[in-house]
Structure formats: C-alpha cells, structure tokens
C-alpha atoms as a PDB file:
ATOM      1  CA  UNK A   1       9.985  11.455   1.463  1.00  0.00           C
ATOM      2  CA  UNK A   2      10.294  10.974   5.074  1.00  0.00           C
ATOM      3  CA  UNK A   3       6.217  10.633   5.145  1.00  0.00           C
ATOM      4  CA  UNK A   4       6.700   7.847   2.072  1.00  0.00           C
ATOM      5  CA  UNK A   5       9.613   6.072   3.773  1.00  0.00           C
ATOM      6  CA  UNK A   6       7.995   5.861   7.050  1.00  0.00           C
ATOM      7  CA  UNK A   7       4.579   4.535   5.598  1.00  0.00           C
ATOM      8  CA  UNK A   8       6.455   2.127   3.296  1.00  0.00           C
ATOM      9  CA  UNK A   9       8.538   0.304   6.448  1.00  0.00           C
ATOM     10  CA  UNK A  10       5.700  -1.851   7.403  1.00  0.00           C
ATOM     11  CA  UNK A  11       5.357  -5.175   5.350  1.00  0.00           C
ATOM     12  CA  UNK A  12       1.343  -5.166   5.874  1.00  0.00           C
ATOM     13  CA  UNK A  13       1.450  -2.014   4.220  1.00  0.00           C
ATOM     14  CA  UNK A  14       4.165  -2.610   1.617  1.00  0.00           C
ATOM     15  CA  UNK A  15       1.790  -5.605   1.063  1.00  0.00           C
ATOM     16  CA  UNK A  16      -1.158  -3.468   0.721  1.00  0.00           C
ATOM     17  CA  UNK A  17       0.474  -1.398  -1.291  1.00  0.00           C
ATOM     18  CA  UNK A  18       1.645  -3.802  -3.913  1.00  0.00           C
ATOM     19  CA  UNK A  19      -2.358  -4.917  -4.516  1.00  0.00           C
ATOM     20  CA  UNK A  20      -3.183  -1.182  -5.168  1.00  0.00           C
ATOM     21  CA  UNK A  21      -0.266  -0.072  -7.262  1.00  0.00           C
ATOM     22  CA  UNK A  22      -1.194  -2.339 -10.341  1.00  0.00           C
ATOM     23  CA  UNK A  23      -4.443  -0.604 -10.273  1.00  0.00           C
ATOM     24  CA  UNK A  24      -8.000  -0.870  -9.395  1.00  0.00           C
ATOM     25  CA  UNK A  25      -9.673  -0.566  -6.372  1.00  0.00           C
ATOM     26  CA  UNK A  26      -9.724  -2.276  -3.218  1.00  0.00           C
ATOM     27  CA  UNK A  27     -11.936  -1.968   0.201  1.00  0.00           C
ATOM     28  CA  UNK A  28     -10.659  -2.452   3.767  1.00  0.00           C
ATOM     29  CA  UNK A  29     -12.589  -5.803   4.066  1.00  0.00           C
ATOM     30  CA  UNK A  30     -10.827  -7.004   0.595  1.00  0.00           C
ATOM     31  CA  UNK A  31      -7.430  -6.063   1.670  1.00  0.00           C
ATOM     32  CA  UNK A  32      -8.032  -7.747   5.196  1.00  0.00           C
ATOM     33  CA  UNK A  33      -8.802 -11.162   4.091  1.00  0.00           C
ATOM     34  CA  UNK A  34      -5.726 -11.451   1.317  1.00  0.00           C
ATOM     35  CA  UNK A  35      -3.239  -9.740   4.292  1.00  0.00           C
ATOM     36  CA  UNK A  36      -4.801 -11.550   6.882  1.00  0.00           C
ATOM     37  CA  UNK A  37      -5.471  -8.719   8.953  1.00  0.00           C
ATOM     38  CA  UNK A  38      -7.943  -7.174  11.639  1.00  0.00           C
ATOM     39  CA  UNK A  39     -10.674  -4.843   9.985  1.00  0.00           C
ATOM     40  CA  UNK A  40      -9.248  -2.187  12.964  1.00  0.00           C
ATOM     41  CA  UNK A  41      -5.498  -3.352  11.796  1.00  0.00           C
ATOM     42  CA  UNK A  42      -6.056  -3.038   8.117  1.00  0.00           C
ATOM     43  CA  UNK A  43      -7.562   0.688   8.810  1.00  0.00           C
ATOM     44  CA  UNK A  44      -4.915   1.815  10.444  1.00  0.00           C
ATOM     45  CA  UNK A  45      -2.421   0.866   7.841  1.00  0.00           C
ATOM     46  CA  UNK A  46      -4.254   2.385   5.088  1.00  0.00           C
ATOM     47  CA  UNK A  47      -4.747   6.063   6.707  1.00  0.00           C
ATOM     48  CA  UNK A  48      -0.987   5.766   7.264  1.00  0.00           C
ATOM     49  CA  UNK A  49      -0.706   5.211   3.546  1.00  0.00           C
ATOM     50  CA  UNK A  50      -3.252   8.136   2.962  1.00  0.00           C
ATOM     51  CA  UNK A  51      -1.985  10.002   5.003  1.00  0.00           C
ATOM     52  CA  UNK A  52       1.551   9.901   3.096  1.00  0.00           C
ATOM     53  CA  UNK A  53       0.004  10.839   0.029  1.00  0.00           C
ATOM     54  CA  UNK A  54       0.350   7.341  -1.705  1.00  0.00           C
ATOM     55  CA  UNK A  55      -3.508   6.165  -2.153  1.00  0.00           C
ATOM     56  CA  UNK A  56      -6.345   7.763  -2.531  1.00  0.00           C
ATOM     57  CA  UNK A  57      -9.694   6.448  -0.709  1.00  0.00           C
ATOM     58  CA  UNK A  58     -13.748   7.299  -1.368  1.00  0.00           C
ATOM     59  CA  UNK A  59     -16.800   5.878   0.364  1.00  0.00           C
ATOM     60  CA  UNK A  60     -19.144   3.751  -1.559  1.00  0.00           C
ATOM     61  CA  UNK A  61     -22.183   2.674   0.937  1.00  0.00           C
ATOM     62  CA  UNK A  62     -20.916   1.419   4.202  1.00  0.00           C
ATOM     63  CA  UNK A  63     -17.693   0.648   2.194  1.00  0.00           C
ATOM     64  CA  UNK A  64     -14.351   2.606   2.025  1.00  0.00           C
ATOM     65  CA  UNK A  65     -12.102   2.045  -1.211  1.00  0.00           C
ATOM     66  CA  UNK A  66      -8.549   2.565  -1.835  1.00  0.00           C
ATOM     67  CA  UNK A  67      -6.787   3.095  -4.915  1.00  0.00           C
ATOM     68  CA  UNK A  68      -3.321   4.161  -6.170  1.00  0.00           C
ATOM     69  CA  UNK A  69      -2.853   7.716  -6.013  1.00  0.00           C
ATOM     70  CA  UNK A  70      -2.159   9.013 -10.150  1.00  0.00           C
ATOM     71  CA  UNK A  71      -0.946  12.003  -8.956  1.00  0.00           C
ATOM     72  CA  UNK A  72       1.905  10.812  -6.798  1.00  0.00           C
ATOM     73  CA  UNK A  73       5.244  12.798  -8.169  1.00  0.00           C
ATOM     74  CA  UNK A  74       6.883  10.358 -10.704  1.00  0.00           C
ATOM     75  CA  UNK A  75       9.775  10.435  -8.110  1.00  0.00           C
ATOM     76  CA  UNK A  76       7.727   8.974  -5.609  1.00  0.00           C
ATOM     77  CA  UNK A  77       6.279   6.635  -7.771  1.00  0.00           C
ATOM     78  CA  UNK A  78      10.075   5.443  -8.997  1.00  0.00           C
ATOM     79  CA  UNK A  79      11.104   5.004  -5.354  1.00  0.00           C
ATOM     80  CA  UNK A  80       7.684   2.959  -4.951  1.00  0.00           C
ATOM     81  CA  UNK A  81       8.112   0.952  -8.049  1.00  0.00           C
ATOM     82  CA  UNK A  82      11.579  -0.005  -6.856  1.00  0.00           C
ATOM     83  CA  UNK A  83      10.668  -1.275  -3.378  1.00  0.00           C
ATOM     84  CA  UNK A  84       8.024  -3.382  -4.368  1.00  0.00           C
ATOM     85  CA  UNK A  85      10.037  -4.966  -7.065  1.00  0.00           C
ATOM     86  CA  UNK A  86      13.099  -5.577  -4.842  1.00  0.00           C
ATOM     87  CA  UNK A  87      10.202  -7.368  -2.552  1.00  0.00           C
ATOM     88  CA  UNK A  88       9.723 -10.156  -5.273  1.00  0.00           C
ATOM     89  CA  UNK A  89      13.262 -10.811  -5.884  1.00  0.00           C
ATOM     90  CA  UNK A  90      14.154 -14.009  -3.985  1.00  0.00           C
ATOM     91  CA  UNK A  91      16.316 -13.590  -1.714  1.00  0.00           C
ATOM     92  CA  UNK A  92      20.151 -15.467  -2.602  1.00  0.00           C
ATOM     93  CA  UNK A  93      21.517 -17.798  -0.125  1.00  0.00           C
ATOM     94  CA  UNK A  94      25.330 -16.521   0.973  1.00  0.00           C
ATOM     95  CA  UNK A  95      27.804 -19.344   0.995  1.00  0.00           C
END
C-alpha cells in the first residue's frame, strides 16, 4: 500500500492515472500533451505508476502505451477510485 500511496501523491501522476482509469491506452506523447509535461518528466511519472503496479505498459513500435492494470487487487482499485473521485469534488469555501 505504501508504494501506491507514494505513487499517487504527485498531482501529475494522479492526473495521468485519471486519464487511464476510465479505460483505453495512452502513449507518453498523448499524456504529455494532455498534462503539459515534458517527455522525460512524463516517462518518469509513468515508471513510478508502473512500478507501483497501477498501470501496465506495452511497446508499440517506437511508442510505449500505458493502461490501467486490470489485475490490481480490488481493495487497491477502490482506494484509487476514492482518491480520483475526491479530486473531482469542488472545494468548499470556509466561511
């Protein structure tokens, strides 16, 4: 669990995970554009997510494509679902 929590503590990694969590595959170049990140930075972020077991990668010619790990333990997937859902909730103003 510590690896997963460490992996999702970064906002760019959470944003990348949100893009992948709905399904489908994305290459680093697509993630770079969507998240306004350099290739090296995005590749490093995806490596962290892969090493934590949250995403899988596959080589497609010169591209590396990433997708959600379908074999992630249900309790870890639920934790990611909760974190991503909490990010979508607008912050409340404190009076």
